[in-house]
Amino acid sequence: LLEIAATAPDSAEALSRARGVTRGFAEGKAGASLLTAIRAARALPDEGLPEAPRNRDGARPSPALVALLKVLLAAKCEQHHVAPKLMASSDDIERLATEDRPDIPALHGWRQEVFGADALALKAGRVALGVEGRRIKLITT
């Protein structure tokens, strides 16, 4: 879906070149409906497009902190055999880097237990990241 959104194909042939899209899908009823939706979206004036999400306070997150949080996310997801996208989106990570305690799924329930608590501890300087063998580990500071 991300590839289709990024390329916005304008024909069944172009749609079939997207990863995971078969020629049968692209040339069928579902493909035609998708292409119709893409054409309709392209025809919208810029004013008709939804606004891209921004940080609530307008602050830009530290790229280094975002990178550290992504490394922690990858390590925790590898350890618990969970896909990173199920744990936290890129927007969630940026909000986590910028806001004190954002209301994001990663800070609730099982996600909090697996990733969120350690992410907050990393931000607060209570833990650091290290390497042991071929794995990332948390070091209590």
C-alpha atoms as a PDB file:
ATOM      1  CA  LEU A   1       0.000   0.000   0.000  1.00  0.00           C
ATOM      2  CA  LEU A   2       2.818   2.395   0.808  1.00  0.00           C
ATOM      3  CA  GLU A   3       4.376   1.818  -2.597  1.00  0.00           C
ATOM      4  CA  ILE A   4       1.030   2.384  -4.330  1.00  0.00           C
ATOM      5  CA  ALA A   5       0.513   5.585  -2.338  1.00  0.00           C
ATOM      6  CA  ALA A   6       4.025   6.802  -3.148  1.00  0.00           C
ATOM      7  CA  THR A   7       3.850   6.056  -6.877  1.00  0.00           C
ATOM      8  CA  ALA A   8       0.140   6.811  -7.486  1.00  0.00           C
ATOM      9  CA  PRO A   9      -0.062   4.611 -10.601  1.00  0.00           C
ATOM     10  CA  ASP A  10      -2.269   5.845 -13.432  1.00  0.00           C
ATOM     11  CA  SER A  11      -2.830   2.586 -15.315  1.00  0.00           C
ATOM     12  CA  ALA A  12      -3.372  -1.111 -14.667  1.00  0.00           C
ATOM     13  CA  GLU A  13       0.087  -1.767 -16.081  1.00  0.00           C
ATOM     14  CA  ALA A  14       1.708   0.711 -13.681  1.00  0.00           C
ATOM     15  CA  LEU A  15      -0.344  -0.703 -10.786  1.00  0.00           C
ATOM     16  CA  SER A  16       0.809  -4.241 -11.587  1.00  0.00           C
ATOM     17  CA  ARG A  17       4.438  -3.119 -11.224  1.00  0.00           C
ATOM     18  CA  ALA A  18       3.868  -2.298  -7.541  1.00  0.00           C
ATOM     19  CA  ARG A  19       5.303  -4.918  -5.209  1.00  0.00           C
ATOM     20  CA  GLY A  20       2.720  -7.527  -4.235  1.00  0.00           C
ATOM     21  CA  VAL A  21       0.148  -6.501  -6.851  1.00  0.00           C
ATOM     22  CA  THR A  22      -0.665  -9.201  -9.378  1.00  0.00           C
ATOM     23  CA  ARG A  23      -1.625  -8.426 -12.955  1.00  0.00           C
ATOM     24  CA  GLY A  24      -4.999 -10.088 -12.285  1.00  0.00           C
ATOM     25  CA  PHE A  25      -5.705  -7.704  -9.409  1.00  0.00           C
ATOM     26  CA  ALA A  26      -4.507  -4.671 -11.348  1.00  0.00           C
ATOM     27  CA  GLU A  27      -6.668  -5.501 -14.375  1.00  0.00           C
ATOM     28  CA  GLY A  28      -9.707  -6.622 -12.357  1.00  0.00           C
ATOM     29  CA  LYS A  29     -12.588  -4.815 -10.698  1.00  0.00           C
ATOM     30  CA  ALA A  30     -10.630  -4.048  -7.500  1.00  0.00           C
ATOM     31  CA  GLY A  31      -7.711  -2.620  -9.475  1.00  0.00           C
ATOM     32  CA  ALA A  32     -10.063  -0.451 -11.528  1.00  0.00           C
ATOM     33  CA  SER A  33     -11.687   0.854  -8.325  1.00  0.00           C
ATOM     34  CA  LEU A  34      -8.286   1.633  -6.839  1.00  0.00           C
ATOM     35  CA  LEU A  35      -7.191   3.488  -9.987  1.00  0.00           C
ATOM     36  CA  THR A  36     -10.457   5.479  -9.932  1.00  0.00           C
ATOM     37  CA  ALA A  37      -9.762   6.498  -6.323  1.00  0.00           C
ATOM     38  CA  ILE A  38      -6.193   7.506  -7.214  1.00  0.00           C
ATOM     39  CA  ARG A  39      -7.436   9.626 -10.136  1.00  0.00           C
ATOM     40  CA  ALA A  40     -10.013  11.305  -7.878  1.00  0.00           C
ATOM     41  CA  ALA A  41      -7.334  12.086  -5.282  1.00  0.00           C
ATOM     42  CA  ARG A  42      -5.000  13.510  -7.928  1.00  0.00           C
ATOM     43  CA  ALA A  43      -7.797  15.795  -9.140  1.00  0.00           C
ATOM     44  CA  LEU A  44      -8.271  17.368  -5.704  1.00  0.00           C
ATOM     45  CA  PRO A  45      -6.897  20.887  -5.247  1.00  0.00           C
ATOM     46  CA  ASP A  46      -4.214  21.227  -2.584  1.00  0.00           C
ATOM     47  CA  GLU A  47      -6.802  22.845  -0.307  1.00  0.00           C
ATOM     48  CA  GLY A  48      -8.839  19.625  -0.479  1.00  0.00           C
ATOM     49  CA  LEU A  49      -6.000  17.452   0.801  1.00  0.00           C
ATOM     50  CA  PRO A  50      -5.719  16.550   4.475  1.00  0.00           C
ATOM     51  CA  GLU A  51      -3.059  18.396   6.410  1.00  0.00           C
ATOM     52  CA  ALA A  52       0.047  16.384   7.223  1.00  0.00           C
ATOM     53  CA  PRO A  53       0.302  15.621  10.948  1.00  0.00           C
ATOM     54  CA  ARG A  54       2.610  17.907  12.893  1.00  0.00           C
ATOM     55  CA  ASN A  55       4.011  17.807  16.368  1.00  0.00           C
ATOM     56  CA  ARG A  56       1.580  19.416  18.774  1.00  0.00           C
ATOM     57  CA  ASP A  57       3.979  22.083  19.999  1.00  0.00           C
ATOM     58  CA  GLY A  58       5.678  22.568  16.630  1.00  0.00           C
ATOM     59  CA  ALA A  59       9.039  21.382  17.975  1.00  0.00           C
ATOM     60  CA  ARG A  60      11.189  19.161  15.820  1.00  0.00           C
ATOM     61  CA  PRO A  61      12.403  15.984  17.482  1.00  0.00           C
ATOM     62  CA  SER A  62      16.120  15.419  17.916  1.00  0.00           C
ATOM     63  CA  PRO A  63      17.246  13.127  15.063  1.00  0.00           C
ATOM     64  CA  ALA A  64      19.689  11.436  17.452  1.00  0.00           C
ATOM     65  CA  LEU A  65      16.951  10.708  20.007  1.00  0.00           C
ATOM     66  CA  VAL A  66      14.633   9.413  17.281  1.00  0.00           C
ATOM     67  CA  ALA A  67      17.451   7.123  16.095  1.00  0.00           C
ATOM     68  CA  LEU A  68      18.057   5.822  19.642  1.00  0.00           C
ATOM     69  CA  LEU A  69      14.353   5.142  20.148  1.00  0.00           C
ATOM     70  CA  LYS A  70      14.214   3.297  16.816  1.00  0.00           C
ATOM     71  CA  VAL A  71      17.199   1.144  17.826  1.00  0.00           C
ATOM     72  CA  LEU A  72      15.484   0.344  21.130  1.00  0.00           C
ATOM     73  CA  LEU A  73      12.255  -0.433  19.265  1.00  0.00           C
ATOM     74  CA  ALA A  74      14.052  -2.775  16.862  1.00  0.00           C
ATOM     75  CA  ALA A  75      15.852  -4.550  19.708  1.00  0.00           C
ATOM     76  CA  LYS A  76      12.699  -5.019  21.784  1.00  0.00           C
ATOM     77  CA  CYS A  77      10.704  -6.217  18.786  1.00  0.00           C
ATOM     78  CA  GLU A  78      13.439  -8.682  17.838  1.00  0.00           C
ATOM     79  CA  GLN A  79      13.573  -9.962  21.418  1.00  0.00           C
ATOM     80  CA  HIS A  80       9.790 -10.418  21.619  1.00  0.00           C
ATOM     81  CA  HIS A  81       9.236 -11.499  17.985  1.00  0.00           C
ATOM     82  CA  VAL A  82       6.891  -8.611  17.214  1.00  0.00           C
ATOM     83  CA  ALA A  83       6.834  -6.489  14.059  1.00  0.00           C
ATOM     84  CA  PRO A  84       7.997  -2.929  14.871  1.00  0.00           C
ATOM     85  CA  LYS A  85       4.984  -1.403  13.079  1.00  0.00           C
ATOM     86  CA  LEU A  86       2.699  -3.208  15.550  1.00  0.00           C
ATOM     87  CA  MET A  87       4.553  -1.596  18.433  1.00  0.00           C
ATOM     88  CA  ALA A  88       4.958   2.021  17.288  1.00  0.00           C
ATOM     89  CA  SER A  89       4.667   4.031  14.085  1.00  0.00           C
ATOM     90  CA  SER A  90       7.275   6.553  12.959  1.00  0.00           C
ATOM     91  CA  ASP A  91       4.906   9.322  14.030  1.00  0.00           C
ATOM     92  CA  ASP A  92       4.604   7.691  17.473  1.00  0.00           C
ATOM     93  CA  ILE A  93       8.413   7.603  17.790  1.00  0.00           C
ATOM     94  CA  GLU A  94       8.665  11.283  16.816  1.00  0.00           C
ATOM     95  CA  ARG A  95       5.977  12.221  19.330  1.00  0.00           C
ATOM     96  CA  LEU A  96       7.739  10.149  21.975  1.00  0.00           C
ATOM     97  CA  ALA A  97      10.976  12.017  21.217  1.00  0.00           C
ATOM     98  CA  THR A  98       9.266  15.417  21.384  1.00  0.00           C
ATOM     99  CA  GLU A  99       6.554  15.148  24.044  1.00  0.00           C
ATOM    100  CA  ASP A 100       6.972  14.207  27.706  1.00  0.00           C
ATOM    101  CA  ARG A 101       4.353  11.464  27.748  1.00  0.00           C
ATOM    102  CA  PRO A 102       2.313  11.406  24.530  1.00  0.00           C
ATOM    103  CA  ASP A 103      -0.939   9.466  24.349  1.00  0.00           C
ATOM    104  CA  ILE A 104       0.267   6.799  21.918  1.00  0.00           C
ATOM    105  CA  PRO A 105      -0.402   3.039  21.838  1.00  0.00           C
ATOM    106  CA  ALA A 106       3.248   2.299  22.714  1.00  0.00           C
ATOM    107  CA  LEU A 107       2.644   3.725  26.192  1.00  0.00           C
ATOM    108  CA  HIS A 108      -0.361   1.531  26.990  1.00  0.00           C
ATOM    109  CA  GLY A 109      -0.965  -2.152  27.712  1.00  0.00           C
ATOM    110  CA  TRP A 110       1.390  -4.814  26.407  1.00  0.00           C
ATOM    111  CA  ARG A 111       3.264  -2.279  24.254  1.00  0.00           C
ATOM    112  CA  GLN A 112       4.099  -0.302  27.407  1.00  0.00           C
ATOM    113  CA  GLU A 113       5.470  -3.465  29.021  1.00  0.00           C
ATOM    114  CA  VAL A 114       7.539  -4.515  26.004  1.00  0.00           C
ATOM    115  CA  PHE A 115       8.778  -1.117  24.757  1.00  0.00           C
ATOM    116  CA  GLY A 116       7.152   1.976  26.252  1.00  0.00           C
ATOM    117  CA  ALA A 117       8.534   1.828  29.789  1.00  0.00           C
ATOM    118  CA  ASP A 118      12.095   1.349  28.531  1.00  0.00           C
ATOM    119  CA  ALA A 119      11.638   4.112  25.944  1.00  0.00           C
ATOM    120  CA  LEU A 120      10.641   6.556  28.684  1.00  0.00           C
ATOM    121  CA  ALA A 121      13.566   5.361  30.833  1.00  0.00           C
ATOM    122  CA  LEU A 122      15.945   5.915  27.892  1.00  0.00           C
ATOM    123  CA  LYS A 123      14.605   9.454  27.414  1.00  0.00           C
ATOM    124  CA  ALA A 124      15.046  10.141  31.137  1.00  0.00           C
ATOM    125  CA  GLY A 125      18.624   8.845  31.132  1.00  0.00           C
ATOM    126  CA  ARG A 126      17.857   5.958  33.491  1.00  0.00           C
ATOM    127  CA  VAL A 127      19.000   3.383  30.918  1.00  0.00           C
ATOM    128  CA  ALA A 128      21.479   3.357  28.060  1.00  0.00           C
ATOM    129  CA  LEU A 129      21.972   1.111  25.057  1.00  0.00           C
ATOM    130  CA  GLY A 130      24.927  -1.215  24.722  1.00  0.00           C
ATOM    131  CA  VAL A 131      26.008  -4.162  22.616  1.00  0.00           C
ATOM    132  CA  GLU A 132      26.529  -7.679  23.890  1.00  0.00           C
ATOM    133  CA  GLY A 133      27.670 -10.071  21.192  1.00  0.00           C
ATOM    134  CA  ARG A 134      25.343  -9.373  18.292  1.00  0.00           C
ATOM    135  CA  ARG A 135      22.454  -7.999  20.345  1.00  0.00           C
ATOM    136  CA  ILE A 136      21.492  -4.616  21.754  1.00  0.00           C
ATOM    137  CA  LYS A 137      21.055  -4.598  25.523  1.00  0.00           C
ATOM    138  CA  LEU A 138      19.793  -2.106  28.079  1.00  0.00           C
ATOM    139  CA  ILE A 139      22.246  -0.866  30.670  1.00  0.00           C
ATOM    140  CA  THR A 140      20.844   0.636  33.875  1.00  0.00           C
ATOM    141  CA  THR A 141      22.604   3.923  34.631  1.00  0.00           C
END
